[in-house]
Amino acid sequence: MEIAQPTPELSVPDVLAAQEYYRDYLGFEISWHDEAGGIGAVSHGNCANFFRKEVGNIQNGVFWIFTEDVDAAFAELTRSGAKITDPIRNTTWGMRQFTVEDAYGNVFYFHHDL
């Protein structure tokens, strides 16, 4: 059996708004969505996220995203106006990383091993 990289599904109150946010602030492309706006996806290279419309208690996700050039990613996301919650830094556990939070409270750690 060969298994591919998993694709997370994030619960959001508005699928189209989430797709636009990821396109405008995080550099993703809108891949598809259903006409009713109940589900959709975005992608950036080989990284993809699904969104599903939920009402009520939405749980936030935490994601680790490896990048070859974390400094370039930091510069690009800073320029785009993404919400950087932790600036770029070297950690005591051997990573260079920074943290981004999306419009719905999901957290993304962009990192590269030192």
PDB file of N, CA and C in Angstrom:
ATOM      1  N   MET A   1       0.853  -1.172   0.000  1.00  0.00           N
ATOM      2  CA  MET A   1       0.000   0.000   0.000  1.00  0.00           C
ATOM      3  C   MET A   1       0.895   1.230   0.000  1.00  0.00           C
ATOM      4  N   GLU A   2       0.553   2.182  -0.842  1.00  0.00           N
ATOM      5  CA  GLU A   2       1.252   3.445  -0.886  1.00  0.00           C
ATOM      6  C   GLU A   2       0.294   4.523  -0.392  1.00  0.00           C
ATOM      7  N   ILE A   3       0.750   5.321   0.530  1.00  0.00           N
ATOM      8  CA  ILE A   3      -0.107   6.353   1.112  1.00  0.00           C
ATOM      9  C   ILE A   3       0.467   7.718   0.769  1.00  0.00           C
ATOM     10  N   ALA A   4      -0.394   8.617   0.320  1.00  0.00           N
ATOM     11  CA  ALA A   4       0.009   9.982   0.001  1.00  0.00           C
ATOM     12  C   ALA A   4      -0.116  10.862   1.238  1.00  0.00           C
ATOM     13  N   GLN A   5       0.374  12.049   1.112  1.00  0.00           N
ATOM     14  CA  GLN A   5       0.282  13.034   2.183  1.00  0.00           C
ATOM     15  C   GLN A   5      -1.186  13.311   2.505  1.00  0.00           C
ATOM     16  N   PRO A   6      -1.565  13.364   3.785  1.00  0.00           N
ATOM     17  CA  PRO A   6      -2.961  13.635   4.128  1.00  0.00           C
ATOM     18  C   PRO A   6      -3.341  15.088   3.838  1.00  0.00           C
ATOM     19  N   THR A   7      -4.607  15.310   3.570  1.00  0.00           N
ATOM     20  CA  THR A   7      -5.127  16.651   3.334  1.00  0.00           C
ATOM     21  C   THR A   7      -6.057  17.012   4.480  1.00  0.00           C
ATOM     22  N   PRO A   8      -5.747  18.083   5.217  1.00  0.00           N
ATOM     23  CA  PRO A   8      -6.628  18.460   6.323  1.00  0.00           C
ATOM     24  C   PRO A   8      -7.931  19.077   5.818  1.00  0.00           C
ATOM     25  N   GLU A   9      -8.975  18.900   6.606  1.00  0.00           N
ATOM     26  CA  GLU A   9     -10.249  19.553   6.338  1.00  0.00           C
ATOM     27  C   GLU A   9     -10.528  20.482   7.510  1.00  0.00           C
ATOM     28  N   LEU A  10     -10.643  21.771   7.210  1.00  0.00           N
ATOM     29  CA  LEU A  10     -10.868  22.773   8.246  1.00  0.00           C
ATOM     30  C   LEU A  10     -12.327  23.200   8.248  1.00  0.00           C
ATOM     31  N   SER A  11     -12.905  23.292   9.422  1.00  0.00           N
ATOM     32  CA  SER A  11     -14.275  23.775   9.571  1.00  0.00           C
ATOM     33  C   SER A  11     -14.255  25.295   9.586  1.00  0.00           C
ATOM     34  N   VAL A  12     -15.079  25.903   8.737  1.00  0.00           N
ATOM     35  CA  VAL A  12     -15.143  27.365   8.640  1.00  0.00           C
ATOM     36  C   VAL A  12     -16.601  27.786   8.493  1.00  0.00           C
ATOM     37  N   PRO A  13     -16.931  29.017   8.893  1.00  0.00           N
ATOM     38  CA  PRO A  13     -18.309  29.467   8.730  1.00  0.00           C
ATOM     39  C   PRO A  13     -18.654  29.834   7.288  1.00  0.00           C
ATOM     40  N   ASP A  14     -17.631  30.145   6.451  1.00  0.00           N
ATOM     41  CA  ASP A  14     -17.863  30.573   5.074  1.00  0.00           C
ATOM     42  C   ASP A  14     -16.733  30.036   4.191  1.00  0.00           C
ATOM     43  N   VAL A  15     -17.025  29.034   3.381  1.00  0.00           N
ATOM     44  CA  VAL A  15     -16.008  28.375   2.551  1.00  0.00           C
ATOM     45  C   VAL A  15     -15.388  29.347   1.555  1.00  0.00           C
ATOM     46  N   LEU A  16     -16.201  30.120   0.851  1.00  0.00           N
ATOM     47  CA  LEU A  16     -15.667  31.029  -0.164  1.00  0.00           C
ATOM     48  C   LEU A  16     -14.786  32.105   0.458  1.00  0.00           C
ATOM     49  N   ALA A  17     -15.181  32.640   1.606  1.00  0.00           N
ATOM     50  CA  ALA A  17     -14.357  33.641   2.291  1.00  0.00           C
ATOM     51  C   ALA A  17     -13.034  33.032   2.744  1.00  0.00           C
ATOM     52  N   ALA A  18     -13.068  31.785   3.215  1.00  0.00           N
ATOM     53  CA  ALA A  18     -11.834  31.107   3.628  1.00  0.00           C
ATOM     54  C   ALA A  18     -10.911  30.923   2.433  1.00  0.00           C
ATOM     55  N   GLN A  19     -11.458  30.513   1.293  1.00  0.00           N
ATOM     56  CA  GLN A  19     -10.641  30.346   0.091  1.00  0.00           C
ATOM     57  C   GLN A  19     -10.012  31.673  -0.333  1.00  0.00           C
ATOM     58  N   GLU A  20     -10.779  32.735  -0.283  1.00  0.00           N
ATOM     59  CA  GLU A  20     -10.249  34.048  -0.659  1.00  0.00           C
ATOM     60  C   GLU A  20      -9.157  34.498   0.302  1.00  0.00           C
ATOM     61  N   TYR A  21      -9.341  34.241   1.591  1.00  0.00           N
ATOM     62  CA  TYR A  21      -8.317  34.596   2.579  1.00  0.00           C
ATOM     63  C   TYR A  21      -7.022  33.847   2.288  1.00  0.00           C
ATOM     64  N   TYR A  22      -7.109  32.556   2.066  1.00  0.00           N
ATOM     65  CA  TYR A  22      -5.913  31.755   1.805  1.00  0.00           C
ATOM     66  C   TYR A  22      -5.239  32.187   0.501  1.00  0.00           C
ATOM     67  N   ARG A  23      -6.028  32.581  -0.486  1.00  0.00           N
ATOM     68  CA  ARG A  23      -5.462  33.088  -1.744  1.00  0.00           C
ATOM     69  C   ARG A  23      -4.777  34.436  -1.516  1.00  0.00           C
ATOM     70  N   ASP A  24      -5.473  35.366  -0.870  1.00  0.00           N
ATOM     71  CA  ASP A  24      -4.982  36.735  -0.743  1.00  0.00           C
ATOM     72  C   ASP A  24      -3.843  36.895   0.251  1.00  0.00           C
ATOM     73  N   TYR A  25      -3.866  36.144   1.354  1.00  0.00           N
ATOM     74  CA  TYR A  25      -2.871  36.350   2.414  1.00  0.00           C
ATOM     75  C   TYR A  25      -1.815  35.256   2.514  1.00  0.00           C
ATOM     76  N   LEU A  26      -2.127  34.043   2.065  1.00  0.00           N
ATOM     77  CA  LEU A  26      -1.187  32.935   2.233  1.00  0.00           C
ATOM     78  C   LEU A  26      -0.656  32.383   0.911  1.00  0.00           C
ATOM     79  N   GLY A  27      -1.084  32.961  -0.221  1.00  0.00           N
ATOM     80  CA  GLY A  27      -0.527  32.584  -1.510  1.00  0.00           C
ATOM     81  C   GLY A  27      -1.059  31.299  -2.120  1.00  0.00           C
ATOM     82  N   PHE A  28      -2.165  30.779  -1.615  1.00  0.00           N
ATOM     83  CA  PHE A  28      -2.768  29.561  -2.163  1.00  0.00           C
ATOM     84  C   PHE A  28      -3.581  29.894  -3.418  1.00  0.00           C
ATOM     85  N   GLU A  29      -3.874  28.876  -4.205  1.00  0.00           N
ATOM     86  CA  GLU A  29      -4.784  28.998  -5.336  1.00  0.00           C
ATOM     87  C   GLU A  29      -6.091  28.310  -4.974  1.00  0.00           C
ATOM     88  N   ILE A  30      -7.196  28.896  -5.413  1.00  0.00           N
ATOM     89  CA  ILE A  30      -8.492  28.259  -5.199  1.00  0.00           C
ATOM     90  C   ILE A  30      -8.608  27.108  -6.187  1.00  0.00           C
ATOM     91  N   SER A  31      -8.780  25.896  -5.668  1.00  0.00           N
ATOM     92  CA  SER A  31      -8.832  24.701  -6.513  1.00  0.00           C
ATOM     93  C   SER A  31     -10.247  24.415  -7.002  1.00  0.00           C
ATOM     94  N   TRP A  32     -11.197  24.386  -6.091  1.00  0.00           N
ATOM     95  CA  TRP A  32     -12.576  24.076  -6.438  1.00  0.00           C
ATOM     96  C   TRP A  32     -13.477  24.345  -5.241  1.00  0.00           C
ATOM     97  N   HIS A  33     -14.781  24.456  -5.491  1.00  0.00           N
ATOM     98  CA  HIS A  33     -15.808  24.489  -4.443  1.00  0.00           C
ATOM     99  C   HIS A  33     -17.141  24.103  -5.075  1.00  0.00           C
ATOM    100  N   ASP A  34     -18.025  23.593  -4.244  1.00  0.00           N
ATOM    101  CA  ASP A  34     -19.344  23.252  -4.769  1.00  0.00           C
ATOM    102  C   ASP A  34     -20.179  24.521  -4.878  1.00  0.00           C
ATOM    103  N   GLU A  35     -21.191  24.489  -5.707  1.00  0.00           N
ATOM    104  CA  GLU A  35     -22.002  25.677  -5.957  1.00  0.00           C
ATOM    105  C   GLU A  35     -22.719  26.177  -4.717  1.00  0.00           C
ATOM    106  N   ALA A  36     -23.053  25.293  -3.812  1.00  0.00           N
ATOM    107  CA  ALA A  36     -23.759  25.689  -2.590  1.00  0.00           C
ATOM    108  C   ALA A  36     -22.820  26.304  -1.553  1.00  0.00           C
ATOM    109  N   GLY A  37     -21.514  26.213  -1.761  1.00  0.00           N
ATOM    110  CA  GLY A  37     -20.555  26.782  -0.808  1.00  0.00           C
ATOM    111  C   GLY A  37     -20.352  25.941   0.430  1.00  0.00           C
ATOM    112  N   GLY A  38     -20.674  24.656   0.356  1.00  0.00           N
ATOM    113  CA  GLY A  38     -20.541  23.793   1.527  1.00  0.00           C
ATOM    114  C   GLY A  38     -19.182  23.162   1.705  1.00  0.00           C
ATOM    115  N   ILE A  39     -18.413  23.051   0.610  1.00  0.00           N
ATOM    116  CA  ILE A  39     -17.088  22.441   0.675  1.00  0.00           C
ATOM    117  C   ILE A  39     -16.243  23.010  -0.465  1.00  0.00           C
ATOM    118  N   GLY A  40     -14.936  23.099  -0.223  1.00  0.00           N
ATOM    119  CA  GLY A  40     -14.025  23.595  -1.245  1.00  0.00           C
ATOM    120  C   GLY A  40     -12.595  23.305  -0.858  1.00  0.00           C
ATOM    121  N   ALA A  41     -11.670  23.663  -1.752  1.00  0.00           N
ATOM    122  CA  ALA A  41     -10.258  23.381  -1.498  1.00  0.00           C
ATOM    123  C   ALA A  41      -9.380  24.494  -2.050  1.00  0.00           C
ATOM    124  N   VAL A  42      -8.200  24.603  -1.457  1.00  0.00           N
ATOM    125  CA  VAL A  42      -7.138  25.474  -1.950  1.00  0.00           C
ATOM    126  C   VAL A  42      -5.861  24.647  -2.016  1.00  0.00           C
ATOM    127  N   SER A  43      -4.895  25.117  -2.816  1.00  0.00           N
ATOM    128  CA  SER A  43      -3.621  24.403  -2.893  1.00  0.00           C
ATOM    129  C   SER A  43      -2.476  25.387  -3.096  1.00  0.00           C
ATOM    130  N   HIS A  44      -1.304  24.937  -2.686  1.00  0.00           N
ATOM    131  CA  HIS A  44      -0.059  25.701  -2.860  1.00  0.00           C
ATOM    132  C   HIS A  44       1.034  24.662  -3.063  1.00  0.00           C
ATOM    133  N   GLY A  45       1.474  24.471  -4.303  1.00  0.00           N
ATOM    134  CA  GLY A  45       2.420  23.391  -4.581  1.00  0.00           C
ATOM    135  C   GLY A  45       1.758  22.059  -4.285  1.00  0.00           C
ATOM    136  N   ASN A  46       2.418  21.216  -3.481  1.00  0.00           N
ATOM    137  CA  ASN A  46       1.827  19.914  -3.138  1.00  0.00           C
ATOM    138  C   ASN A  46       1.072  19.949  -1.813  1.00  0.00           C
ATOM    139  N   CYS A  47       0.812  21.135  -1.288  1.00  0.00           N
ATOM    140  CA  CYS A  47       0.052  21.310  -0.044  1.00  0.00           C
ATOM    141  C   CYS A  47      -1.384  21.699  -0.402  1.00  0.00           C
ATOM    142  N   ALA A  48      -2.358  20.990   0.150  1.00  0.00           N
ATOM    143  CA  ALA A  48      -3.767  21.293  -0.103  1.00  0.00           C
ATOM    144  C   ALA A  48      -4.530  21.321   1.213  1.00  0.00           C
ATOM    145  N   ASN A  49      -5.561  22.137   1.264  1.00  0.00           N
ATOM    146  CA  ASN A  49      -6.475  22.196   2.405  1.00  0.00           C
ATOM    147  C   ASN A  49      -7.896  22.140   1.875  1.00  0.00           C
ATOM    148  N   PHE A  50      -8.741  21.370   2.542  1.00  0.00           N
ATOM    149  CA  PHE A  50     -10.169  21.375   2.264  1.00  0.00           C
ATOM    150  C   PHE A  50     -10.838  22.246   3.323  1.00  0.00           C
ATOM    151  N   PHE A  51     -11.943  22.876   2.938  1.00  0.00           N
ATOM    152  CA  PHE A  51     -12.776  23.634   3.871  1.00  0.00           C
ATOM    153  C   PHE A  51     -14.186  23.072   3.804  1.00  0.00           C
ATOM    154  N   ARG A  52     -14.821  22.957   4.961  1.00  0.00           N
ATOM    155  CA  ARG A  52     -16.216  22.527   5.018  1.00  0.00           C
ATOM    156  C   ARG A  52     -16.976  23.523   5.886  1.00  0.00           C
ATOM    157  N   LYS A  53     -18.130  23.958   5.370  1.00  0.00           N
ATOM    158  CA  LYS A  53     -18.951  24.908   6.110  1.00  0.00           C
ATOM    159  C   LYS A  53     -19.540  24.229   7.334  1.00  0.00           C
ATOM    160  N   GLU A  54     -19.333  24.842   8.481  1.00  0.00           N
ATOM    161  CA  GLU A  54     -19.863  24.339   9.749  1.00  0.00           C
ATOM    162  C   GLU A  54     -20.507  25.500  10.495  1.00  0.00           C
ATOM    163  N   VAL A  55     -21.485  25.203  11.271  1.00  0.00           N
ATOM    164  CA  VAL A  55     -22.083  26.193  12.160  1.00  0.00           C
ATOM    165  C   VAL A  55     -21.962  25.667  13.575  1.00  0.00           C
ATOM    166  N   GLY A  56     -21.868  26.583  14.503  1.00  0.00           N
ATOM    167  CA  GLY A  56     -21.748  26.157  15.893  1.00  0.00           C
ATOM    168  C   GLY A  56     -20.316  26.130  16.361  1.00  0.00           C
ATOM    169  N   ASN A  57     -19.980  25.135  17.141  1.00  0.00           N
ATOM    170  CA  ASN A  57     -18.672  25.030  17.780  1.00  0.00           C
ATOM    171  C   ASN A  57     -17.618  24.540  16.781  1.00  0.00           C
ATOM    172  N   ILE A  58     -16.824  25.455  16.260  1.00  0.00           N
ATOM    173  CA  ILE A  58     -15.783  25.114  15.294  1.00  0.00           C
ATOM    174  C   ILE A  58     -14.478  24.878  16.036  1.00  0.00           C
ATOM    175  N   GLN A  59     -13.855  23.738  15.792  1.00  0.00           N
ATOM    176  CA  GLN A  59     -12.567  23.399  16.399  1.00  0.00           C
ATOM    177  C   GLN A  59     -11.437  23.907  15.510  1.00  0.00           C
ATOM    178  N   ASN A  60     -10.421  24.487  16.139  1.00  0.00           N
ATOM    179  CA  ASN A  60      -9.276  24.995  15.390  1.00  0.00           C
ATOM    180  C   ASN A  60      -8.239  23.903  15.205  1.00  0.00           C
ATOM    181  N   GLY A  61      -7.458  24.035  14.142  1.00  0.00           N
ATOM    182  CA  GLY A  61      -6.402  23.078  13.853  1.00  0.00           C
ATOM    183  C   GLY A  61      -5.025  23.693  14.038  1.00  0.00           C
ATOM    184  N   VAL A  62      -4.033  22.832  14.185  1.00  0.00           N
ATOM    185  CA  VAL A  62      -2.629  23.231  14.268  1.00  0.00           C
ATOM    186  C   VAL A  62      -1.880  22.417  13.224  1.00  0.00           C
ATOM    187  N   PHE A  63      -1.077  23.098  12.396  1.00  0.00           N
ATOM    188  CA  PHE A  63      -0.393  22.454  11.286  1.00  0.00           C
ATOM    189  C   PHE A  63       1.074  22.860  11.258  1.00  0.00           C
ATOM    190  N   TRP A  64       1.929  21.919  10.914  1.00  0.00           N
ATOM    191  CA  TRP A  64       3.362  22.167  10.729  1.00  0.00           C
ATOM    192  C   TRP A  64       3.644  22.080   9.239  1.00  0.00           C
ATOM    193  N   ILE A  65       4.196  23.154   8.672  1.00  0.00           N
ATOM    194  CA  ILE A  65       4.475  23.198   7.239  1.00  0.00           C
ATOM    195  C   ILE A  65       5.975  23.356   7.038  1.00  0.00           C
ATOM    196  N   PHE A  66       6.598  22.325   6.473  1.00  0.00           N
ATOM    197  CA  PHE A  66       8.026  22.377   6.178  1.00  0.00           C
ATOM    198  C   PHE A  66       8.241  23.193   4.914  1.00  0.00           C
ATOM    199  N   THR A  67       9.256  24.052   4.923  1.00  0.00           N
ATOM    200  CA  THR A  67       9.622  24.814   3.736  1.00  0.00           C
ATOM    201  C   THR A  67      11.140  24.855   3.618  1.00  0.00           C
ATOM    202  N   GLU A  68      11.636  24.753   2.397  1.00  0.00           N
ATOM    203  CA  GLU A  68      13.087  24.772   2.165  1.00  0.00           C
ATOM    204  C   GLU A  68      13.704  26.100   2.581  1.00  0.00           C
ATOM    205  N   ASP A  69      12.974  27.210   2.354  1.00  0.00           N
ATOM    206  CA  ASP A  69      13.504  28.542   2.669  1.00  0.00           C
ATOM    207  C   ASP A  69      12.509  29.269   3.565  1.00  0.00           C
ATOM    208  N   VAL A  70      12.618  29.036   4.847  1.00  0.00           N
ATOM    209  CA  VAL A  70      11.666  29.606   5.803  1.00  0.00           C
ATOM    210  C   VAL A  70      11.777  31.130   5.861  1.00  0.00           C
ATOM    211  N   ASP A  71      12.970  31.669   5.634  1.00  0.00           N
ATOM    212  CA  ASP A  71      13.121  33.131   5.639  1.00  0.00           C
ATOM    213  C   ASP A  71      12.376  33.767   4.466  1.00  0.00           C
ATOM    214  N   ALA A  72      12.440  33.144   3.297  1.00  0.00           N
ATOM    215  CA  ALA A  72      11.701  33.650   2.138  1.00  0.00           C
ATOM    216  C   ALA A  72      10.192  33.537   2.368  1.00  0.00           C
ATOM    217  N   ALA A  73       9.749  32.437   2.976  1.00  0.00           N
ATOM    218  CA  ALA A  73       8.325  32.273   3.289  1.00  0.00           C
ATOM    219  C   ALA A  73       7.866  33.354   4.262  1.00  0.00           C
ATOM    220  N   PHE A  74       8.695  33.635   5.276  1.00  0.00           N
ATOM    221  CA  PHE A  74       8.368  34.678   6.244  1.00  0.00           C
ATOM    222  C   PHE A  74       8.239  36.033   5.546  1.00  0.00           C
ATOM    223  N   ALA A  75       9.194  36.357   4.675  1.00  0.00           N
ATOM    224  CA  ALA A  75       9.159  37.636   3.964  1.00  0.00           C
ATOM    225  C   ALA A  75       7.911  37.736   3.082  1.00  0.00           C
ATOM    226  N   GLU A  76       7.592  36.671   2.367  1.00  0.00           N
ATOM    227  CA  GLU A  76       6.430  36.671   1.478  1.00  0.00           C
ATOM    228  C   GLU A  76       5.127  36.840   2.251  1.00  0.00           C
ATOM    229  N   LEU A  77       4.969  36.106   3.350  1.00  0.00           N
ATOM    230  CA  LEU A  77       3.727  36.189   4.123  1.00  0.00           C
ATOM    231  C   LEU A  77       3.623  37.506   4.883  1.00  0.00           C
ATOM    232  N   THR A  78       4.749  38.065   5.292  1.00  0.00           N
ATOM    233  CA  THR A  78       4.737  39.385   5.927  1.00  0.00           C
ATOM    234  C   THR A  78       4.273  40.437   4.922  1.00  0.00           C
ATOM    235  N   ARG A  79       4.824  40.387   3.704  1.00  0.00           N
ATOM    236  CA  ARG A  79       4.427  41.336   2.650  1.00  0.00           C
ATOM    237  C   ARG A  79       2.941  41.220   2.318  1.00  0.00           C
ATOM    238  N   SER A  80       2.406  40.014   2.347  1.00  0.00           N
ATOM    239  CA  SER A  80       1.002  39.819   1.968  1.00  0.00           C
ATOM    240  C   SER A  80       0.031  40.266   3.056  1.00  0.00           C
ATOM    241  N   GLY A  81       0.552  40.540   4.256  1.00  0.00           N
ATOM    242  CA  GLY A  81      -0.317  40.975   5.347  1.00  0.00           C
ATOM    243  C   GLY A  81      -0.871  39.848   6.189  1.00  0.00           C
ATOM    244  N   ALA A  82      -0.301  38.645   6.063  1.00  0.00           N
ATOM    245  CA  ALA A  82      -0.744  37.517   6.894  1.00  0.00           C
ATOM    246  C   ALA A  82      -0.532  37.852   8.364  1.00  0.00           C
ATOM    247  N   LYS A  83      -1.345  37.270   9.222  1.00  0.00           N
ATOM    248  CA  LYS A  83      -1.246  37.515  10.666  1.00  0.00           C
ATOM    249  C   LYS A  83      -0.123  36.649  11.246  1.00  0.00           C
ATOM    250  N   ILE A  84       1.052  37.257  11.417  1.00  0.00           N
ATOM    251  CA  ILE A  84       2.209  36.577  11.996  1.00  0.00           C
ATOM    252  C   ILE A  84       2.074  36.684  13.516  1.00  0.00           C
ATOM    253  N   THR A  85       1.947  35.555  14.197  1.00  0.00           N
ATOM    254  CA  THR A  85       1.770  35.600  15.652  1.00  0.00           C
ATOM    255  C   THR A  85       3.067  35.360  16.409  1.00  0.00           C
ATOM    256  N   ASP A  86       4.045  34.739  15.776  1.00  0.00           N
ATOM    257  CA  ASP A  86       5.395  34.573  16.333  1.00  0.00           C
ATOM    258  C   ASP A  86       6.373  34.899  15.224  1.00  0.00           C
ATOM    259  N   PRO A  87       7.288  35.844  15.448  1.00  0.00           N
ATOM    260  CA  PRO A  87       8.255  36.177  14.401  1.00  0.00           C
ATOM    261  C   PRO A  87       9.237  35.033  14.169  1.00  0.00           C
ATOM    262  N   ILE A  88       9.951  35.124  13.080  1.00  0.00           N
ATOM    263  CA  ILE A  88      10.907  34.077  12.738  1.00  0.00           C
ATOM    264  C   ILE A  88      12.018  34.022  13.782  1.00  0.00           C
ATOM    265  N   ARG A  89      12.401  32.793  14.123  1.00  0.00           N
ATOM    266  CA  ARG A  89      13.431  32.615  15.153  1.00  0.00           C
ATOM    267  C   ARG A  89      13.993  31.208  15.073  1.00  0.00           C
ATOM    268  N   ASN A  90      15.159  31.030  15.690  1.00  0.00           N
ATOM    269  CA  ASN A  90      15.735  29.701  15.866  1.00  0.00           C
ATOM    270  C   ASN A  90      15.265  29.175  17.214  1.00  0.00           C
ATOM    271  N   THR A  91      14.800  27.944  17.239  1.00  0.00           N
ATOM    272  CA  THR A  91      14.288  27.365  18.478  1.00  0.00           C
ATOM    273  C   THR A  91      15.360  26.535  19.174  1.00  0.00           C
ATOM    274  N   THR A  92      15.115  26.239  20.437  1.00  0.00           N
ATOM    275  CA  THR A  92      16.041  25.394  21.195  1.00  0.00           C
ATOM    276  C   THR A  92      15.922  23.930  20.789  1.00  0.00           C
ATOM    277  N   TRP A  93      14.874  23.562  20.034  1.00  0.00           N
ATOM    278  CA  TRP A  93      14.708  22.175  19.590  1.00  0.00           C
ATOM    279  C   TRP A  93      15.179  21.971  18.147  1.00  0.00           C
ATOM    280  N   GLY A  94      15.940  22.954  17.610  1.00  0.00           N
ATOM    281  CA  GLY A  94      16.621  22.750  16.340  1.00  0.00           C
ATOM    282  C   GLY A  94      15.866  23.113  15.079  1.00  0.00           C
ATOM    283  N   MET A  95      14.936  24.058  15.184  1.00  0.00           N
ATOM    284  CA  MET A  95      14.197  24.506  14.001  1.00  0.00           C
ATOM    285  C   MET A  95      14.282  26.015  13.880  1.00  0.00           C
ATOM    286  N   ARG A  96      14.199  26.480  12.654  1.00  0.00           N
ATOM    287  CA  ARG A  96      13.976  27.901  12.398  1.00  0.00           C
ATOM    288  C   ARG A  96      12.515  27.979  11.982  1.00  0.00           C
ATOM    289  N   GLN A  97      11.736  28.796  12.674  1.00  0.00           N
ATOM    290  CA  GLN A  97      10.293  28.774  12.427  1.00  0.00           C
ATOM    291  C   GLN A  97       9.640  30.109  12.724  1.00  0.00           C
ATOM    292  N   PHE A  98       8.423  30.255  12.214  1.00  0.00           N
ATOM    293  CA  PHE A  98       7.533  31.359  12.570  1.00  0.00           C
ATOM    294  C   PHE A  98       6.114  30.824  12.541  1.00  0.00           C
ATOM    295  N   THR A  99       5.191  31.589  13.119  1.00  0.00           N
ATOM    296  CA  THR A  99       3.813  31.124  13.264  1.00  0.00           C
ATOM    297  C   THR A  99       2.848  32.103  12.612  1.00  0.00           C
ATOM    298  N   VAL A 100       1.873  31.550  11.905  1.00  0.00           N
ATOM    299  CA  VAL A 100       0.814  32.325  11.266  1.00  0.00           C
ATOM    300  C   VAL A 100      -0.523  31.810  11.784  1.00  0.00           C
ATOM    301  N   GLU A 101      -1.451  32.731  12.011  1.00  0.00           N
ATOM    302  CA  GLU A 101      -2.822  32.355  12.371  1.00  0.00           C
ATOM    303  C   GLU A 101      -3.745  32.849  11.271  1.00  0.00           C
ATOM    304  N   ASP A 102      -4.650  31.993  10.807  1.00  0.00           N
ATOM    305  CA  ASP A 102      -5.576  32.424   9.762  1.00  0.00           C
ATOM    306  C   ASP A 102      -6.767  33.164  10.372  1.00  0.00           C
ATOM    307  N   ALA A 103      -7.686  33.579   9.530  1.00  0.00           N
ATOM    308  CA  ALA A 103      -8.833  34.379   9.972  1.00  0.00           C
ATOM    309  C   ALA A 103      -9.773  33.616  10.893  1.00  0.00           C
ATOM    310  N   TYR A 104      -9.596  32.282  11.008  1.00  0.00           N
ATOM    311  CA  TYR A 104     -10.498  31.458  11.802  1.00  0.00           C
ATOM    312  C   TYR A 104      -9.830  30.856  13.026  1.00  0.00           C
ATOM    313  N   GLY A 105      -8.581  31.267  13.313  1.00  0.00           N
ATOM    314  CA  GLY A 105      -7.890  30.781  14.499  1.00  0.00           C
ATOM    315  C   GLY A 105      -7.056  29.533  14.298  1.00  0.00           C
ATOM    316  N   ASN A 106      -6.964  29.020  13.069  1.00  0.00           N
ATOM    317  CA  ASN A 106      -6.085  27.885  12.797  1.00  0.00           C
ATOM    318  C   ASN A 106      -4.641  28.368  12.814  1.00  0.00           C
ATOM    319  N   VAL A 107      -3.748  27.549  13.349  1.00  0.00           N
ATOM    320  CA  VAL A 107      -2.347  27.934  13.543  1.00  0.00           C
ATOM    321  C   VAL A 107      -1.459  27.130  12.598  1.00  0.00           C
ATOM    322  N   PHE A 108      -0.510  27.830  11.961  1.00  0.00           N
ATOM    323  CA  PHE A 108       0.427  27.207  11.027  1.00  0.00           C
ATOM    324  C   PHE A 108       1.844  27.547  11.444  1.00  0.00           C
ATOM    325  N   TYR A 109       2.622  26.514  11.739  1.00  0.00           N
ATOM    326  CA  TYR A 109       4.042  26.677  12.045  1.00  0.00           C
ATOM    327  C   TYR A 109       4.823  26.399  10.762  1.00  0.00           C
ATOM    328  N   PHE A 110       5.420  27.426  10.197  1.00  0.00           N
ATOM    329  CA  PHE A 110       6.298  27.259   9.043  1.00  0.00           C
ATOM    330  C   PHE A 110       7.691  27.038   9.590  1.00  0.00           C
ATOM    331  N   HIS A 111       8.369  25.985   9.123  1.00  0.00           N
ATOM    332  CA  HIS A 111       9.658  25.655   9.739  1.00  0.00           C
ATOM    333  C   HIS A 111      10.627  25.026   8.761  1.00  0.00           C
ATOM    334  N   HIS A 112      11.888  25.041   9.184  1.00  0.00           N
ATOM    335  CA  HIS A 112      12.981  24.357   8.497  1.00  0.00           C
ATOM    336  C   HIS A 112      13.942  23.876   9.573  1.00  0.00           C
ATOM    337  N   ASP A 113      14.425  22.660   9.427  1.00  0.00           N
ATOM    338  CA  ASP A 113      15.391  22.133  10.396  1.00  0.00           C
ATOM    339  C   ASP A 113      16.706  22.887  10.272  1.00  0.00           C
ATOM    340  N   LEU A 114      17.317  23.174  11.417  1.00  0.00           N
ATOM    341  CA  LEU A 114      18.627  23.850  11.408  1.00  0.00           C
ATOM    342  C   LEU A 114      19.732  22.859  11.135  1.00  0.00           C
TER     343      LEU A 114
END
